[in-house]
Amino acid sequence: MCRISAIEAAYSTVLRELGEDVAREGLLRTPLRAAKAMQFLTKGYNETLEDILNNAIFNENHHEMVIVKNIDMFSLCEHHLVPFFGKVHIGYLPNNRVVGLSKLARIVEIFSRRLQVQERLTKQIATAISEALEPAGVAVVIEAVHMCMVMRGVQKMNSKTVTSSMLGLFQEDPKTREEFLVLTKNN
């Protein structure tokens, strides 16, 4: 609880420095609410891959592509502490090992619930899946809107950032990569 109180105090300081009266009715509990929100938005620092997978890797004689697409993702830009959000598409080629499908979304959560840049987030998700499953390949594509580009700076409302990380056969074999990209294309 001392972490929350320290974060709460910091938010009180920020509000005062912005010229706000932290004693006014509308702001009385704002520092605490903001501290709790920040703790939730960065909960990935307290989660591990092992905790999330929780023995949900299964031996299965399956070697064809497995794809989960349109996984909702929210994160905070480490440069401005404002949100970026979008969709994550994950594919992997099992090597006789599959994972519970919901675990892929949970892996996204571990890394997106930290202060991030989209490029690193993409790679962290791909690397975690690769290390956990040892598949023949992993592909991750993230399409996201960055509020730091929308609300401030260049203020480009319709810009999206797309990043990818291709490992194993997705990197080595153009046909495998193409199949993944065709199957994850949003229609």
Protein backbone atom coordinates (compact mmCIF):
# COMPACT_ATOMS: atom_id res chain seq x y z
CA MET A 1 0.00 0.00 0.00
CA CYS A 2 2.95 2.35 0.48
CA ARG A 3 3.52 2.28 -3.29
CA ILE A 4 -0.02 3.57 -3.84
CA SER A 5 0.44 6.32 -1.28
CA ALA A 6 3.71 7.44 -2.88
CA ILE A 7 2.10 7.51 -6.32
CA GLU A 8 -0.91 9.33 -4.87
CA ALA A 9 1.38 11.98 -3.37
CA ALA A 10 3.13 12.39 -6.70
CA TYR A 11 -0.19 12.96 -8.49
CA SER A 12 -1.13 15.55 -5.86
CA THR A 13 2.13 17.35 -6.59
CA VAL A 14 1.51 17.24 -10.35
CA LEU A 15 -2.00 18.65 -9.94
CA ARG A 16 -0.74 21.45 -7.67
CA GLU A 17 2.04 22.30 -10.13
CA LEU A 18 -0.56 22.51 -12.91
CA GLY A 19 -2.29 25.20 -10.84
CA GLU A 20 -5.12 23.05 -9.52
CA ASP A 21 -6.56 23.13 -6.04
CA VAL A 22 -6.31 19.52 -4.85
CA ALA A 23 -8.70 20.37 -2.00
CA ARG A 24 -11.59 21.22 -4.33
CA GLU A 25 -14.44 18.73 -4.35
CA GLY A 26 -13.86 17.30 -7.83
CA LEU A 27 -10.19 16.57 -7.13
CA LEU A 28 -10.35 15.32 -3.53
CA ARG A 29 -9.87 11.67 -4.47
CA THR A 30 -8.32 12.16 -7.92
CA PRO A 31 -4.71 11.53 -6.82
CA LEU A 32 -5.74 8.19 -5.26
CA ARG A 33 -7.87 7.20 -8.26
CA ALA A 34 -5.05 8.15 -10.64
CA ALA A 35 -2.54 6.16 -8.57
CA LYS A 36 -4.77 3.07 -8.65
CA ALA A 37 -5.33 3.50 -12.37
CA MET A 38 -1.59 3.76 -13.02
CA GLN A 39 -0.96 0.69 -10.91
CA PHE A 40 -3.54 -1.24 -12.97
CA LEU A 41 -2.23 0.08 -16.29
CA THR A 42 1.28 -1.11 -15.39
CA LYS A 43 0.37 -4.41 -13.72
CA GLY A 44 2.48 -6.30 -16.24
CA TYR A 45 5.58 -5.53 -14.21
CA ASN A 46 4.23 -7.89 -11.52
CA GLU A 47 3.32 -10.77 -13.84
CA THR A 48 5.52 -13.49 -15.25
CA LEU A 49 5.15 -15.74 -18.26
CA GLU A 50 5.21 -18.80 -16.01
CA ASP A 51 2.34 -17.47 -13.89
CA ILE A 52 0.24 -16.69 -16.95
CA LEU A 53 0.86 -19.96 -18.81
CA ASN A 54 0.03 -21.96 -15.68
CA ASN A 55 0.82 -25.34 -17.29
CA ALA A 56 -1.49 -24.67 -20.26
CA ILE A 57 0.98 -26.03 -22.83
CA PHE A 58 -0.15 -29.32 -24.31
CA ASN A 59 1.44 -31.99 -26.46
CA GLU A 60 -0.49 -32.13 -29.71
CA ASN A 61 0.45 -33.60 -33.09
CA HIS A 62 -0.32 -30.36 -34.94
CA HIS A 63 2.06 -28.59 -37.29
CA GLU A 64 -0.20 -26.20 -39.20
CA MET A 65 -0.45 -22.51 -38.46
CA VAL A 66 -2.40 -21.36 -35.41
CA ILE A 67 -3.57 -17.75 -35.51
CA VAL A 68 -5.37 -15.58 -32.99
CA LYS A 69 -6.10 -12.18 -34.46
CA ASN A 70 -7.66 -8.93 -33.34
CA ILE A 71 -6.55 -9.23 -29.72
CA ASP A 72 -7.38 -5.86 -28.17
CA MET A 73 -4.33 -4.17 -26.71
CA PHE A 74 -3.90 -1.05 -24.57
CA SER A 75 -0.58 0.30 -23.37
CA LEU A 76 1.12 3.50 -22.25
CA CYS A 77 3.76 5.22 -24.33
CA GLU A 78 6.90 5.45 -22.24
CA HIS A 79 7.78 8.80 -23.77
CA HIS A 80 4.61 10.74 -22.85
CA LEU A 81 2.66 8.41 -20.52
CA VAL A 82 -0.36 8.58 -22.81
CA PRO A 83 -2.18 5.56 -24.20
CA PHE A 84 -1.67 3.72 -27.41
CA PHE A 85 -4.12 1.01 -28.38
CA GLY A 86 -4.94 -1.35 -31.17
CA LYS A 87 -5.02 -4.95 -32.30
CA VAL A 88 -2.47 -7.72 -32.02
CA HIS A 89 -2.35 -10.62 -34.46
CA ILE A 90 -0.37 -13.70 -33.40
CA GLY A 91 0.50 -16.78 -35.37
CA TYR A 92 2.69 -19.73 -34.56
CA LEU A 93 3.66 -23.04 -36.10
CA PRO A 94 3.37 -25.69 -33.38
CA ASN A 95 6.18 -28.15 -32.97
CA ASN A 96 3.98 -30.77 -31.29
CA ARG A 97 3.15 -28.23 -28.55
CA VAL A 98 0.14 -25.94 -28.42
CA VAL A 99 -0.95 -23.42 -25.83
CA GLY A 100 -4.42 -22.59 -24.55
CA LEU A 101 -5.62 -19.84 -26.91
CA SER A 102 -6.53 -17.42 -24.12
CA LYS A 103 -2.91 -17.58 -22.97
CA LEU A 104 -1.83 -15.74 -26.11
CA ALA A 105 -4.05 -12.81 -25.12
CA ARG A 106 -2.64 -13.00 -21.59
CA ILE A 107 0.91 -12.81 -22.96
CA VAL A 108 -0.11 -9.65 -24.78
CA GLU A 109 -1.39 -8.29 -21.45
CA ILE A 110 1.86 -9.01 -19.58
CA PHE A 111 3.89 -6.85 -21.92
CA SER A 112 1.31 -4.23 -22.91
CA ARG A 113 0.59 -3.39 -19.26
CA ARG A 114 3.99 -1.75 -18.92
CA LEU A 115 5.43 1.52 -20.14
CA GLN A 116 6.22 0.65 -23.73
CA VAL A 117 7.19 1.45 -27.26
CA GLN A 118 5.30 -0.53 -29.86
CA GLU A 119 8.42 -1.92 -31.50
CA ARG A 120 9.69 -3.49 -28.27
CA LEU A 121 6.21 -4.73 -27.33
CA THR A 122 5.92 -6.60 -30.63
CA LYS A 123 9.27 -8.29 -30.15
CA GLN A 124 8.62 -9.16 -26.48
CA ILE A 125 5.37 -10.94 -27.36
CA ALA A 126 7.01 -12.94 -30.17
CA THR A 127 10.04 -13.85 -28.06
CA ALA A 128 7.90 -14.96 -25.09
CA ILE A 129 5.80 -17.27 -27.28
CA SER A 130 8.92 -18.65 -28.94
CA GLU A 131 10.62 -19.35 -25.61
CA ALA A 132 7.52 -20.93 -24.07
CA LEU A 133 6.47 -23.19 -26.96
CA GLU A 134 9.64 -23.68 -29.00
CA PRO A 135 7.54 -23.61 -32.19
CA ALA A 136 8.82 -23.75 -35.76
CA GLY A 137 7.98 -20.06 -36.02
CA VAL A 138 6.15 -17.13 -34.47
CA ALA A 139 4.64 -14.05 -36.10
CA VAL A 140 3.27 -10.99 -34.32
CA VAL A 141 1.79 -7.92 -35.97
CA ILE A 142 0.49 -4.94 -34.00
CA GLU A 143 -1.63 -2.15 -35.49
CA ALA A 144 -2.02 0.73 -33.05
CA VAL A 145 -3.12 4.31 -32.66
CA HIS A 146 -0.82 6.43 -30.52
CA MET A 147 -2.53 9.21 -28.59
CA CYS A 148 0.79 11.07 -28.46
CA MET A 149 0.36 11.54 -32.22
CA VAL A 150 -3.37 12.27 -32.01
CA MET A 151 -3.68 14.55 -28.96
CA ARG A 152 -0.37 16.42 -29.07
CA GLY A 153 2.55 16.96 -31.39
CA VAL A 154 1.58 16.40 -35.03
CA GLN A 155 -2.12 15.76 -34.18
CA LYS A 156 -2.74 13.23 -36.95
CA MET A 157 -6.11 11.69 -36.14
CA ASN A 158 -6.07 8.77 -38.59
CA SER A 159 -2.50 7.57 -38.35
CA LYS A 160 -1.80 3.95 -37.39
CA THR A 161 1.53 2.38 -36.60
CA VAL A 162 2.12 -1.19 -37.74
CA THR A 163 4.97 -3.27 -36.39
CA SER A 164 5.88 -6.91 -36.91
CA SER A 165 8.18 -9.50 -35.46
CA MET A 166 8.78 -12.68 -37.42
CA LEU A 167 10.75 -15.56 -35.96
CA GLY A 168 11.72 -18.98 -37.33
CA LEU A 169 9.88 -20.05 -40.48
CA PHE A 170 7.90 -16.80 -40.57
CA GLN A 171 11.21 -14.99 -41.06
CA GLU A 172 12.91 -17.60 -43.25
CA ASP A 173 10.07 -18.67 -45.58
CA PRO A 174 8.33 -15.96 -47.63
CA LYS A 175 5.32 -18.22 -48.32
CA THR A 176 4.73 -18.85 -44.61
CA ARG A 177 4.99 -15.14 -43.90
CA GLU A 178 2.61 -14.36 -46.77
CA GLU A 179 0.05 -16.91 -45.56
CA PHE A 180 0.05 -15.34 -42.10
CA LEU A 181 -0.29 -11.81 -43.48
CA VAL A 182 -3.14 -12.82 -45.81
CA LEU A 183 -5.01 -14.63 -43.02
CA THR A 184 -4.67 -11.72 -40.59
CA LYS A 185 -5.60 -9.03 -43.08
CA ASN A 186 -8.66 -7.24 -41.73
CA ASN A 187 -11.63 -7.43 -44.05
